[in-house]
Amino acid sequence: MRHDSSAGEDAEIIDQGDGRFSIRGPLTFESVSHVMELSKPLFADHEVLHIDLAEVTDSDSAGLALLLEWVNWGRHYVHEIRYKNVPERIQAIAKISEVSDLLAAGERWTGPLTKA
C-alpha cells in the first residue's frame, strides 16, 4: 500500500506489510511534517516497526529530528523501531549532535543501526 504525499511534496511512506515500511523521497524541513502525519495511522497498530530509509533522496537535520521523534513516540507506546539504511548525512548530523545513541534507542531488544 502506498501513501503518497500531497501538495507537490515528494516524500512518501510505503507500507510493505508486517510492520515494514520504506520511506521514499526527501526527509527535509519541507517534507518531515507531512511524513510525520502520514506515519501516525500507519505505525499505530504495530509493536515492531522496521523502517528502511534506502530510498531517501535528500536529508537534513529535520530528517534526524523525525527519526528521533519516532523513537520518542515508540517509547511512549511500547514499540520497537529499527532503522535500516540510515542516510549517511543523517548519521553524520547525529554524530556531530551527539545523539547517535538515541537513534538506536528504539531498538528495545537487539541490534545497532544496519546498512544493507
PDB file of N, CA and C in Angstrom:
ATOM      1  N   MET A   1       0.847  -1.162   0.000  1.00  0.00           N
ATOM      2  CA  MET A   1       0.000   0.000   0.000  1.00  0.00           C
ATOM      3  C   MET A   1       0.896   1.228   0.000  1.00  0.00           C
ATOM      4  N   ARG A   2       0.613   2.177  -0.834  1.00  0.00           N
ATOM      5  CA  ARG A   2       1.415   3.376  -0.955  1.00  0.00           C
ATOM      6  C   ARG A   2       0.621   4.549  -0.435  1.00  0.00           C
ATOM      7  N   HIS A   3       1.270   5.371   0.355  1.00  0.00           N
ATOM      8  CA  HIS A   3       0.640   6.574   0.885  1.00  0.00           C
ATOM      9  C   HIS A   3       1.443   7.757   0.397  1.00  0.00           C
ATOM     10  N   ASP A   4       0.990   8.364  -0.689  1.00  0.00           N
ATOM     11  CA  ASP A   4       1.710   9.461  -1.294  1.00  0.00           C
ATOM     12  C   ASP A   4       1.400  10.759  -0.575  1.00  0.00           C
ATOM     13  N   SER A   5       2.376  11.629  -0.604  1.00  0.00           N
ATOM     14  CA  SER A   5       2.161  12.946  -0.029  1.00  0.00           C
ATOM     15  C   SER A   5       1.373  13.800  -0.999  1.00  0.00           C
ATOM     16  N   SER A   6       0.876  14.907  -0.487  1.00  0.00           N
ATOM     17  CA  SER A   6       0.115  15.813  -1.324  1.00  0.00           C
ATOM     18  C   SER A   6       0.839  17.133  -1.421  1.00  0.00           C
ATOM     19  N   ALA A   7       0.198  18.088  -2.082  1.00  0.00           N
ATOM     20  CA  ALA A   7       0.728  19.439  -2.216  1.00  0.00           C
ATOM     21  C   ALA A   7       2.093  19.455  -2.872  1.00  0.00           C
ATOM     22  N   GLY A   8       2.362  18.503  -3.770  1.00  0.00           N
ATOM     23  CA  GLY A   8       3.579  18.510  -4.549  1.00  0.00           C
ATOM     24  C   GLY A   8       4.825  18.021  -3.824  1.00  0.00           C
ATOM     25  N   GLU A   9       4.694  17.568  -2.594  1.00  0.00           N
ATOM     26  CA  GLU A   9       5.853  17.055  -1.880  1.00  0.00           C
ATOM     27  C   GLU A   9       6.177  15.660  -2.389  1.00  0.00           C
ATOM     28  N   ASP A  10       7.465  15.330  -2.382  1.00  0.00           N
ATOM     29  CA  ASP A  10       7.906  14.061  -2.931  1.00  0.00           C
ATOM     30  C   ASP A  10       7.893  12.910  -1.939  1.00  0.00           C
ATOM     31  N   ALA A  11       7.918  13.190  -0.658  1.00  0.00           N
ATOM     32  CA  ALA A  11       8.088  12.141   0.339  1.00  0.00           C
ATOM     33  C   ALA A  11       6.856  11.254   0.438  1.00  0.00           C
ATOM     34  N   GLU A  12       7.099   9.962   0.615  1.00  0.00           N
ATOM     35  CA  GLU A  12       6.007   9.007   0.793  1.00  0.00           C
ATOM     36  C   GLU A  12       6.466   7.884   1.705  1.00  0.00           C
ATOM     37  N   ILE A  13       5.492   7.245   2.325  1.00  0.00           N
ATOM     38  CA  ILE A  13       5.737   6.061   3.137  1.00  0.00           C
ATOM     39  C   ILE A  13       5.084   4.897   2.411  1.00  0.00           C
ATOM     40  N   ILE A  14       5.848   3.846   2.207  1.00  0.00           N
ATOM     41  CA  ILE A  14       5.332   2.669   1.531  1.00  0.00           C
ATOM     42  C   ILE A  14       5.194   1.551   2.561  1.00  0.00           C
ATOM     43  N   ASP A  15       3.970   1.101   2.749  1.00  0.00           N
ATOM     44  CA  ASP A  15       3.651   0.036   3.691  1.00  0.00           C
ATOM     45  C   ASP A  15       3.908  -1.295   2.996  1.00  0.00           C
ATOM     46  N   GLN A  16       4.914  -2.027   3.473  1.00  0.00           N
ATOM     47  CA  GLN A  16       5.277  -3.304   2.861  1.00  0.00           C
ATOM     48  C   GLN A  16       4.674  -4.479   3.614  1.00  0.00           C
ATOM     49  N   GLY A  17       3.847  -4.185   4.615  1.00  0.00           N
ATOM     50  CA  GLY A  17       3.197  -5.231   5.391  1.00  0.00           C
ATOM     51  C   GLY A  17       4.025  -5.682   6.573  1.00  0.00           C
ATOM     52  N   ASP A  18       3.366  -6.229   7.565  1.00  0.00           N
ATOM     53  CA  ASP A  18       4.017  -6.790   8.759  1.00  0.00           C
ATOM     54  C   ASP A  18       4.885  -5.790   9.507  1.00  0.00           C
ATOM     55  N   GLY A  19       4.499  -4.528   9.541  1.00  0.00           N
ATOM     56  CA  GLY A  19       5.277  -3.527  10.271  1.00  0.00           C
ATOM     57  C   GLY A  19       6.523  -3.062   9.554  1.00  0.00           C
ATOM     58  N   ARG A  20       6.621  -3.391   8.276  1.00  0.00           N
ATOM     59  CA  ARG A  20       7.778  -2.971   7.477  1.00  0.00           C
ATOM     60  C   ARG A  20       7.361  -1.827   6.563  1.00  0.00           C
ATOM     61  N   PHE A  21       8.161  -0.772   6.621  1.00  0.00           N
ATOM     62  CA  PHE A  21       7.868   0.423   5.843  1.00  0.00           C
ATOM     63  C   PHE A  21       9.135   0.919   5.175  1.00  0.00           C
ATOM     64  N   SER A  22       8.973   1.568   4.049  1.00  0.00           N
ATOM     65  CA  SER A  22      10.106   2.253   3.439  1.00  0.00           C
ATOM     66  C   SER A  22       9.704   3.696   3.194  1.00  0.00           C
ATOM     67  N   ILE A  23      10.693   4.555   3.287  1.00  0.00           N
ATOM     68  CA  ILE A  23      10.495   5.971   3.054  1.00  0.00           C
ATOM     69  C   ILE A  23      11.142   6.292   1.718  1.00  0.00           C
ATOM     70  N   ARG A  24      10.398   6.965   0.864  1.00  0.00           N
ATOM     71  CA  ARG A  24      10.906   7.334  -0.458  1.00  0.00           C
ATOM     72  C   ARG A  24      10.801   8.843  -0.607  1.00  0.00           C
ATOM     73  N   GLY A  25      11.884   9.461  -1.041  1.00  0.00           N
ATOM     74  CA  GLY A  25      11.903  10.897  -1.255  1.00  0.00           C
ATOM     75  C   GLY A  25      12.698  11.603  -0.175  1.00  0.00           C
ATOM     76  N   PRO A  26      12.556  12.920  -0.096  1.00  0.00           N
ATOM     77  CA  PRO A  26      13.361  13.704   0.839  1.00  0.00           C
ATOM     78  C   PRO A  26      12.823  13.687   2.266  1.00  0.00           C
ATOM     79  N   LEU A  27      13.741  13.693   3.224  1.00  0.00           N
ATOM     80  CA  LEU A  27      13.404  13.910   4.629  1.00  0.00           C
ATOM     81  C   LEU A  27      14.082  15.222   5.014  1.00  0.00           C
ATOM     82  N   THR A  28      13.415  16.303   4.675  1.00  0.00           N
ATOM     83  CA  THR A  28      13.962  17.646   4.865  1.00  0.00           C
ATOM     84  C   THR A  28      12.933  18.522   5.562  1.00  0.00           C
ATOM     85  N   PHE A  29      13.338  19.744   5.860  1.00  0.00           N
ATOM     86  CA  PHE A  29      12.427  20.691   6.510  1.00  0.00           C
ATOM     87  C   PHE A  29      11.105  20.797   5.759  1.00  0.00           C
ATOM     88  N   GLU A  30      11.146  20.704   4.447  1.00  0.00           N
ATOM     89  CA  GLU A  30       9.939  20.855   3.644  1.00  0.00           C
ATOM     90  C   GLU A  30       9.008  19.649   3.714  1.00  0.00           C
ATOM     91  N   SER A  31       9.511  18.483   4.063  1.00  0.00           N
ATOM     92  CA  SER A  31       8.690  17.270   3.960  1.00  0.00           C
ATOM     93  C   SER A  31       8.387  16.553   5.273  1.00  0.00           C
ATOM     94  N   VAL A  32       9.175  16.779   6.325  1.00  0.00           N
ATOM     95  CA  VAL A  32       9.035  15.915   7.504  1.00  0.00           C
ATOM     96  C   VAL A  32       7.705  16.057   8.241  1.00  0.00           C
ATOM     97  N   SER A  33       7.122  17.225   8.266  1.00  0.00           N
ATOM     98  CA  SER A  33       5.823  17.370   8.936  1.00  0.00           C
ATOM     99  C   SER A  33       4.785  16.493   8.269  1.00  0.00           C
ATOM    100  N   HIS A  34       4.801  16.485   6.957  1.00  0.00           N
ATOM    101  CA  HIS A  34       3.850  15.666   6.212  1.00  0.00           C
ATOM    102  C   HIS A  34       4.119  14.173   6.438  1.00  0.00           C
ATOM    103  N   VAL A  35       5.390  13.780   6.427  1.00  0.00           N
ATOM    104  CA  VAL A  35       5.739  12.374   6.659  1.00  0.00           C
ATOM    105  C   VAL A  35       5.300  11.959   8.060  1.00  0.00           C
ATOM    106  N   MET A  36       5.478  12.828   9.035  1.00  0.00           N
ATOM    107  CA  MET A  36       5.048  12.519  10.398  1.00  0.00           C
ATOM    108  C   MET A  36       3.546  12.273  10.442  1.00  0.00           C
ATOM    109  N   GLU A  37       2.782  13.126   9.798  1.00  0.00           N
ATOM    110  CA  GLU A  37       1.329  12.952   9.770  1.00  0.00           C
ATOM    111  C   GLU A  37       0.936  11.653   9.068  1.00  0.00           C
ATOM    112  N   LEU A  38       1.614  11.317   7.979  1.00  0.00           N
ATOM    113  CA  LEU A  38       1.334  10.062   7.278  1.00  0.00           C
ATOM    114  C   LEU A  38       1.637   8.858   8.169  1.00  0.00           C
ATOM    115  N   SER A  39       2.684   8.967   8.973  1.00  0.00           N
ATOM    116  CA  SER A  39       3.147   7.815   9.748  1.00  0.00           C
ATOM    117  C   SER A  39       2.220   7.439  10.899  1.00  0.00           C
ATOM    118  N   LYS A  40       1.562   8.407  11.485  1.00  0.00           N
ATOM    119  CA  LYS A  40       0.760   8.138  12.689  1.00  0.00           C
ATOM    120  C   LYS A  40      -0.233   6.997  12.509  1.00  0.00           C
ATOM    121  N   PRO A  41      -1.127   7.046  11.529  1.00  0.00           N
ATOM    122  CA  PRO A  41      -2.072   5.934  11.396  1.00  0.00           C
ATOM    123  C   PRO A  41      -1.418   4.648  10.890  1.00  0.00           C
ATOM    124  N   LEU A  42      -0.358   4.771  10.118  1.00  0.00           N
ATOM    125  CA  LEU A  42       0.311   3.586   9.581  1.00  0.00           C
ATOM    126  C   LEU A  42       1.052   2.805  10.655  1.00  0.00           C
ATOM    127  N   PHE A  43       1.694   3.504  11.583  1.00  0.00           N
ATOM    128  CA  PHE A  43       2.521   2.864  12.588  1.00  0.00           C
ATOM    129  C   PHE A  43       1.730   2.412  13.816  1.00  0.00           C
ATOM    130  N   ALA A  44       0.564   2.965  14.023  1.00  0.00           N
ATOM    131  CA  ALA A  44      -0.178   2.804  15.272  1.00  0.00           C
ATOM    132  C   ALA A  44      -0.451   1.355  15.683  1.00  0.00           C
ATOM    133  N   ASP A  45      -0.709   0.476  14.757  1.00  0.00           N
ATOM    134  CA  ASP A  45      -1.117  -0.883  15.098  1.00  0.00           C
ATOM    135  C   ASP A  45       0.023  -1.894  15.140  1.00  0.00           C
ATOM    136  N   HIS A  46       1.265  -1.428  15.102  1.00  0.00           N
ATOM    137  CA  HIS A  46       2.408  -2.339  15.058  1.00  0.00           C
ATOM    138  C   HIS A  46       3.246  -2.213  16.321  1.00  0.00           C
ATOM    139  N   GLU A  47       3.642  -3.348  16.885  1.00  0.00           N
ATOM    140  CA  GLU A  47       4.516  -3.339  18.052  1.00  0.00           C
ATOM    141  C   GLU A  47       5.978  -3.235  17.654  1.00  0.00           C
ATOM    142  N   VAL A  48       6.299  -3.725  16.476  1.00  0.00           N
ATOM    143  CA  VAL A  48       7.668  -3.647  15.959  1.00  0.00           C
ATOM    144  C   VAL A  48       7.602  -3.003  14.586  1.00  0.00           C
ATOM    145  N   LEU A  49       8.421  -1.975  14.391  1.00  0.00           N
ATOM    146  CA  LEU A  49       8.486  -1.272  13.118  1.00  0.00           C
ATOM    147  C   LEU A  49       9.877  -1.419  12.534  1.00  0.00           C
ATOM    148  N   HIS A  50       9.928  -1.756  11.262  1.00  0.00           N
ATOM    149  CA  HIS A  50      11.182  -1.793  10.515  1.00  0.00           C
ATOM    150  C   HIS A  50      11.054  -0.719   9.445  1.00  0.00           C
ATOM    151  N   ILE A  51      11.901   0.284   9.529  1.00  0.00           N
ATOM    152  CA  ILE A  51      11.805   1.416   8.618  1.00  0.00           C
ATOM    153  C   ILE A  51      13.071   1.482   7.783  1.00  0.00           C
ATOM    154  N   ASP A  52      12.909   1.253   6.479  1.00  0.00           N
ATOM    155  CA  ASP A  52      14.025   1.260   5.547  1.00  0.00           C
ATOM    156  C   ASP A  52      14.121   2.645   4.906  1.00  0.00           C
ATOM    157  N   LEU A  53      15.278   3.239   5.015  1.00  0.00           N
ATOM    158  CA  LEU A  53      15.499   4.592   4.509  1.00  0.00           C
ATOM    159  C   LEU A  53      16.379   4.601   3.253  1.00  0.00           C
ATOM    160  N   ALA A  54      16.504   3.458   2.581  1.00  0.00           N
ATOM    161  CA  ALA A  54      17.384   3.354   1.419  1.00  0.00           C
ATOM    162  C   ALA A  54      16.969   4.281   0.281  1.00  0.00           C
ATOM    163  N   GLU A  55      15.682   4.599   0.186  1.00  0.00           N
ATOM    164  CA  GLU A  55      15.203   5.418  -0.925  1.00  0.00           C
ATOM    165  C   GLU A  55      15.019   6.887  -0.553  1.00  0.00           C
ATOM    166  N   VAL A  56      15.601   7.300   0.580  1.00  0.00           N
ATOM    167  CA  VAL A  56      15.581   8.717   0.937  1.00  0.00           C
ATOM    168  C   VAL A  56      16.547   9.427  -0.013  1.00  0.00           C
ATOM    169  N   THR A  57      16.038  10.427  -0.694  1.00  0.00           N
ATOM    170  CA  THR A  57      16.821  11.108  -1.727  1.00  0.00           C
ATOM    171  C   THR A  57      17.581  12.322  -1.221  1.00  0.00           C
ATOM    172  N   ASP A  58      17.150  12.888  -0.110  1.00  0.00           N
ATOM    173  CA  ASP A  58      17.810  14.058   0.472  1.00  0.00           C
ATOM    174  C   ASP A  58      17.447  14.081   1.946  1.00  0.00           C
ATOM    175  N   SER A  59      18.322  14.622   2.758  1.00  0.00           N
ATOM    176  CA  SER A  59      18.037  14.686   4.186  1.00  0.00           C
ATOM    177  C   SER A  59      18.794  15.848   4.802  1.00  0.00           C
ATOM    178  N   ASP A  60      18.288  16.278   5.942  1.00  0.00           N
ATOM    179  CA  ASP A  60      18.935  17.332   6.707  1.00  0.00           C
ATOM    180  C   ASP A  60      18.619  17.093   8.177  1.00  0.00           C
ATOM    181  N   SER A  61      18.866  18.083   9.010  1.00  0.00           N
ATOM    182  CA  SER A  61      18.647  17.890  10.444  1.00  0.00           C
ATOM    183  C   SER A  61      17.176  17.634  10.769  1.00  0.00           C
ATOM    184  N   ALA A  62      16.266  18.081   9.936  1.00  0.00           N
ATOM    185  CA  ALA A  62      14.844  17.793  10.157  1.00  0.00           C
ATOM    186  C   ALA A  62      14.571  16.302   9.975  1.00  0.00           C
ATOM    187  N   GLY A  63      15.278  15.656   9.068  1.00  0.00           N
ATOM    188  CA  GLY A  63      15.145  14.210   8.904  1.00  0.00           C
ATOM    189  C   GLY A  63      15.585  13.471  10.160  1.00  0.00           C
ATOM    190  N   LEU A  64      16.696  13.921  10.743  1.00  0.00           N
ATOM    191  CA  LEU A  64      17.147  13.345  12.008  1.00  0.00           C
ATOM    192  C   LEU A  64      16.103  13.576  13.092  1.00  0.00           C
ATOM    193  N   ALA A  65      15.567  14.781  13.153  1.00  0.00           N
ATOM    194  CA  ALA A  65      14.548  15.091  14.160  1.00  0.00           C
ATOM    195  C   ALA A  65      13.338  14.173  14.021  1.00  0.00           C
ATOM    196  N   LEU A  66      12.946  13.870  12.794  1.00  0.00           N
ATOM    197  CA  LEU A  66      11.822  12.965  12.562  1.00  0.00           C
ATOM    198  C   LEU A  66      12.135  11.569  13.111  1.00  0.00           C
ATOM    199  N   LEU A  67      13.311  11.047  12.811  1.00  0.00           N
ATOM    200  CA  LEU A  67      13.678   9.714  13.300  1.00  0.00           C
ATOM    201  C   LEU A  67      13.686   9.691  14.827  1.00  0.00           C
ATOM    202  N   LEU A  68      14.203  10.751  15.439  1.00  0.00           N
ATOM    203  CA  LEU A  68      14.212  10.817  16.899  1.00  0.00           C
ATOM    204  C   LEU A  68      12.801  10.946  17.458  1.00  0.00           C
ATOM    205  N   GLU A  69      11.941  11.662  16.754  1.00  0.00           N
ATOM    206  CA  GLU A  69      10.541  11.783  17.189  1.00  0.00           C
ATOM    207  C   GLU A  69       9.856  10.418  17.143  1.00  0.00           C
ATOM    208  N   TRP A  70      10.133   9.627  16.107  1.00  0.00           N
ATOM    209  CA  TRP A  70       9.563   8.284  16.034  1.00  0.00           C
ATOM    210  C   TRP A  70      10.054   7.425  17.197  1.00  0.00           C
ATOM    211  N   VAL A  71      11.344   7.552  17.547  1.00  0.00           N
ATOM    212  CA  VAL A  71      11.871   6.805  18.696  1.00  0.00           C
ATOM    213  C   VAL A  71      11.126   7.227  19.962  1.00  0.00           C
ATOM    214  N   ASN A  72      10.947   8.518  20.147  1.00  0.00           N
ATOM    215  CA  ASN A  72      10.226   9.029  21.314  1.00  0.00           C
ATOM    216  C   ASN A  72       8.787   8.508  21.330  1.00  0.00           C
ATOM    217  N   TRP A  73       8.131   8.547  20.207  1.00  0.00           N
ATOM    218  CA  TRP A  73       6.772   8.023  20.078  1.00  0.00           C
ATOM    219  C   TRP A  73       6.750   6.542  20.455  1.00  0.00           C
ATOM    220  N   GLY A  74       7.718   5.793  19.952  1.00  0.00           N
ATOM    221  CA  GLY A  74       7.795   4.370  20.258  1.00  0.00           C
ATOM    222  C   GLY A  74       7.961   4.098  21.743  1.00  0.00           C
ATOM    223  N   ARG A  75       8.742   4.922  22.415  1.00  0.00           N
ATOM    224  CA  ARG A  75       8.928   4.772  23.862  1.00  0.00           C
ATOM    225  C   ARG A  75       7.613   4.932  24.607  1.00  0.00           C
ATOM    226  N   HIS A  76       6.843   5.888  24.199  1.00  0.00           N
ATOM    227  CA  HIS A  76       5.576   6.158  24.883  1.00  0.00           C
ATOM    228  C   HIS A  76       4.521   5.088  24.621  1.00  0.00           C
ATOM    229  N   TYR A  77       4.629   4.417  23.490  1.00  0.00           N
ATOM    230  CA  TYR A  77       3.606   3.434  23.124  1.00  0.00           C
ATOM    231  C   TYR A  77       4.156   2.013  23.085  1.00  0.00           C
ATOM    232  N   VAL A  78       5.326   1.786  23.687  1.00  0.00           N
ATOM    233  CA  VAL A  78       5.963   0.479  23.812  1.00  0.00           C
ATOM    234  C   VAL A  78       6.097  -0.207  22.460  1.00  0.00           C
ATOM    235  N   HIS A  79       6.743   0.481  21.547  1.00  0.00           N
ATOM    236  CA  HIS A  79       7.040  -0.057  20.230  1.00  0.00           C
ATOM    237  C   HIS A  79       8.551  -0.161  20.064  1.00  0.00           C
ATOM    238  N   GLU A  80       8.947  -1.089  19.264  1.00  0.00           N
ATOM    239  CA  GLU A  80      10.345  -1.239  18.879  1.00  0.00           C
ATOM    240  C   GLU A  80      10.473  -0.672  17.471  1.00  0.00           C
ATOM    241  N   ILE A  81      11.459   0.170  17.265  1.00  0.00           N
ATOM    242  CA  ILE A  81      11.674   0.767  15.950  1.00  0.00           C
ATOM    243  C   ILE A  81      13.097   0.478  15.519  1.00  0.00           C
ATOM    244  N   ARG A  82      13.217  -0.119  14.354  1.00  0.00           N
ATOM    245  CA  ARG A  82      14.532  -0.433  13.801  1.00  0.00           C
ATOM    246  C   ARG A  82      14.691   0.292  12.475  1.00  0.00           C
ATOM    247  N   TYR A  83      15.775   1.041  12.370  1.00  0.00           N
ATOM    248  CA  TYR A  83      16.066   1.762  11.137  1.00  0.00           C
ATOM    249  C   TYR A  83      17.091   0.992  10.328  1.00  0.00           C
ATOM    250  N   LYS A  84      16.868   0.959   9.049  1.00  0.00           N
ATOM    251  CA  LYS A  84      17.777   0.300   8.125  1.00  0.00           C
ATOM    252  C   LYS A  84      18.164   1.319   7.061  1.00  0.00           C
ATOM    253  N   ASN A  85      19.409   1.296   6.659  1.00  0.00           N
ATOM    254  CA  ASN A  85      19.916   2.174   5.602  1.00  0.00           C
ATOM    255  C   ASN A  85      19.733   3.657   5.935  1.00  0.00           C
ATOM    256  N   VAL A  86      20.088   4.023   7.160  1.00  0.00           N
ATOM    257  CA  VAL A  86      20.010   5.430   7.561  1.00  0.00           C
ATOM    258  C   VAL A  86      20.983   6.214   6.676  1.00  0.00           C
ATOM    259  N   PRO A  87      20.485   7.274   6.028  1.00  0.00           N
ATOM    260  CA  PRO A  87      21.369   8.058   5.149  1.00  0.00           C
ATOM    261  C   PRO A  87      22.610   8.556   5.888  1.00  0.00           C
ATOM    262  N   GLU A  88      23.730   8.557   5.187  1.00  0.00           N
ATOM    263  CA  GLU A  88      24.991   8.989   5.792  1.00  0.00           C
ATOM    264  C   GLU A  88      24.893  10.409   6.339  1.00  0.00           C
ATOM    265  N   ARG A  89      24.157  11.269   5.658  1.00  0.00           N
ATOM    266  CA  ARG A  89      24.036  12.648   6.120  1.00  0.00           C
ATOM    267  C   ARG A  89      23.335  12.708   7.486  1.00  0.00           C
ATOM    268  N   ILE A  90      22.289  11.918   7.662  1.00  0.00           N
ATOM    269  CA  ILE A  90      21.602  11.885   8.955  1.00  0.00           C
ATOM    270  C   ILE A  90      22.519  11.299  10.021  1.00  0.00           C
ATOM    271  N   GLN A  91      23.264  10.249   9.680  1.00  0.00           N
ATOM    272  CA  GLN A  91      24.193   9.665  10.650  1.00  0.00           C
ATOM    273  C   GLN A  91      25.266  10.676  11.045  1.00  0.00           C
ATOM    274  N   ALA A  92      25.756  11.458  10.077  1.00  0.00           N
ATOM    275  CA  ALA A  92      26.789  12.458  10.369  1.00  0.00           C
ATOM    276  C   ALA A  92      26.242  13.556  11.280  1.00  0.00           C
ATOM    277  N   ILE A  93      25.027  14.018  11.004  1.00  0.00           N
ATOM    278  CA  ILE A  93      24.417  15.049  11.848  1.00  0.00           C
ATOM    279  C   ILE A  93      24.189  14.496  13.252  1.00  0.00           C
ATOM    280  N   ALA A  94      23.756  13.238  13.346  1.00  0.00           N
ATOM    281  CA  ALA A  94      23.525  12.606  14.647  1.00  0.00           C
ATOM    282  C   ALA A  94      24.829  12.506  15.430  1.00  0.00           C
ATOM    283  N   LYS A  95      25.904  12.162  14.739  1.00  0.00           N
ATOM    284  CA  LYS A  95      27.197  12.025  15.409  1.00  0.00           C
ATOM    285  C   LYS A  95      27.688  13.382  15.904  1.00  0.00           C
ATOM    286  N   ILE A  96      27.614  14.398  15.055  1.00  0.00           N
ATOM    287  CA  ILE A  96      28.047  15.745  15.441  1.00  0.00           C
ATOM    288  C   ILE A  96      27.209  16.271  16.602  1.00  0.00           C
ATOM    289  N   SER A  97      25.922  15.955  16.573  1.00  0.00           N
ATOM    290  CA  SER A  97      24.989  16.419  17.612  1.00  0.00           C
ATOM    291  C   SER A  97      25.017  15.544  18.860  1.00  0.00           C
ATOM    292  N   GLU A  98      25.815  14.478  18.810  1.00  0.00           N
ATOM    293  CA  GLU A  98      25.954  13.532  19.915  1.00  0.00           C
ATOM    294  C   GLU A  98      24.631  12.881  20.304  1.00  0.00           C
ATOM    295  N   VAL A  99      23.844  12.505  19.280  1.00  0.00           N
ATOM    296  CA  VAL A  99      22.576  11.816  19.524  1.00  0.00           C
ATOM    297  C   VAL A  99      22.501  10.465  18.801  1.00  0.00           C
ATOM    298  N   SER A 100      23.630   9.982  18.331  1.00  0.00           N
ATOM    299  CA  SER A 100      23.644   8.697  17.620  1.00  0.00           C
ATOM    300  C   SER A 100      23.022   7.584  18.445  1.00  0.00           C
ATOM    301  N   ASP A 101      23.313   7.579  19.745  1.00  0.00           N
ATOM    302  CA  ASP A 101      22.766   6.533  20.621  1.00  0.00           C
ATOM    303  C   ASP A 101      21.252   6.606  20.699  1.00  0.00           C
ATOM    304  N   LEU A 102      20.703   7.799  20.576  1.00  0.00           N
ATOM    305  CA  LEU A 102      19.245   7.938  20.650  1.00  0.00           C
ATOM    306  C   LEU A 102      18.559   7.276  19.459  1.00  0.00           C
ATOM    307  N   LEU A 103      19.215   7.280  18.289  1.00  0.00           N
ATOM    308  CA  LEU A 103      18.620   6.611  17.127  1.00  0.00           C
ATOM    309  C   LEU A 103      18.451   5.119  17.385  1.00  0.00           C
ATOM    310  N   ALA A 104      19.418   4.539  18.053  1.00  0.00           N
ATOM    311  CA  ALA A 104      19.349   3.106  18.350  1.00  0.00           C
ATOM    312  C   ALA A 104      18.468   2.805  19.552  1.00  0.00           C
ATOM    313  N   ALA A 105      18.060   3.831  20.285  1.00  0.00           N
ATOM    314  CA  ALA A 105      17.256   3.611  21.496  1.00  0.00           C
ATOM    315  C   ALA A 105      15.907   2.978  21.194  1.00  0.00           C
ATOM    316  N   GLY A 106      15.451   3.100  19.965  1.00  0.00           N
ATOM    317  CA  GLY A 106      14.182   2.491  19.597  1.00  0.00           C
ATOM    318  C   GLY A 106      14.254   0.993  19.445  1.00  0.00           C
ATOM    319  N   GLU A 107      15.464   0.464  19.435  1.00  0.00           N
ATOM    320  CA  GLU A 107      15.657  -0.974  19.305  1.00  0.00           C
ATOM    321  C   GLU A 107      15.680  -1.571  20.699  1.00  0.00           C
ATOM    322  N   ARG A 108      14.533  -1.931  21.183  1.00  0.00           N
ATOM    323  CA  ARG A 108      14.403  -2.335  22.576  1.00  0.00           C
ATOM    324  C   ARG A 108      15.103  -3.653  22.890  1.00  0.00           C
ATOM    325  N   TRP A 109      15.207  -4.552  21.936  1.00  0.00           N
ATOM    326  CA  TRP A 109      15.721  -5.881  22.273  1.00  0.00           C
ATOM    327  C   TRP A 109      17.066  -6.214  21.664  1.00  0.00           C
ATOM    328  N   THR A 110      17.331  -5.765  20.460  1.00  0.00           N
ATOM    329  CA  THR A 110      18.599  -6.138  19.856  1.00  0.00           C
ATOM    330  C   THR A 110      19.093  -5.102  18.875  1.00  0.00           C
ATOM    331  N   GLY A 111      20.352  -5.241  18.518  1.00  0.00           N
ATOM    332  CA  GLY A 111      20.971  -4.691  17.357  1.00  0.00           C
ATOM    333  C   GLY A 111      21.137  -3.210  17.140  1.00  0.00           C
ATOM    334  N   PRO A 112      22.199  -2.854  16.435  1.00  0.00           N
ATOM    335  CA  PRO A 112      22.512  -1.471  16.068  1.00  0.00           C
ATOM    336  C   PRO A 112      21.847  -1.076  14.746  1.00  0.00           C
ATOM    337  N   LEU A 113      22.061   0.156  14.348  1.00  0.00           N
ATOM    338  CA  LEU A 113      21.625   0.596  13.013  1.00  0.00           C
ATOM    339  C   LEU A 113      22.276  -0.311  11.983  1.00  0.00           C
ATOM    340  N   THR A 114      21.574  -0.611  10.918  1.00  0.00           N
ATOM    341  CA  THR A 114      22.131  -1.507   9.916  1.00  0.00           C
ATOM    342  C   THR A 114      22.196  -0.836   8.564  1.00  0.00           C
ATOM    343  N   LYS A 115      23.173  -1.243   7.794  1.00  0.00           N
ATOM    344  CA  LYS A 115      23.300  -0.864   6.391  1.00  0.00           C
ATOM    345  C   LYS A 115      23.066  -2.134   5.577  1.00  0.00           C
ATOM    346  N   ALA A 116      22.368  -2.017   4.486  1.00  0.00           N
ATOM    347  CA  ALA A 116      22.067  -3.209   3.670  1.00  0.00           C
ATOM    348  C   ALA A 116      23.312  -3.733   3.006  1.00  0.00           C
TER     349      ALA A 116
END
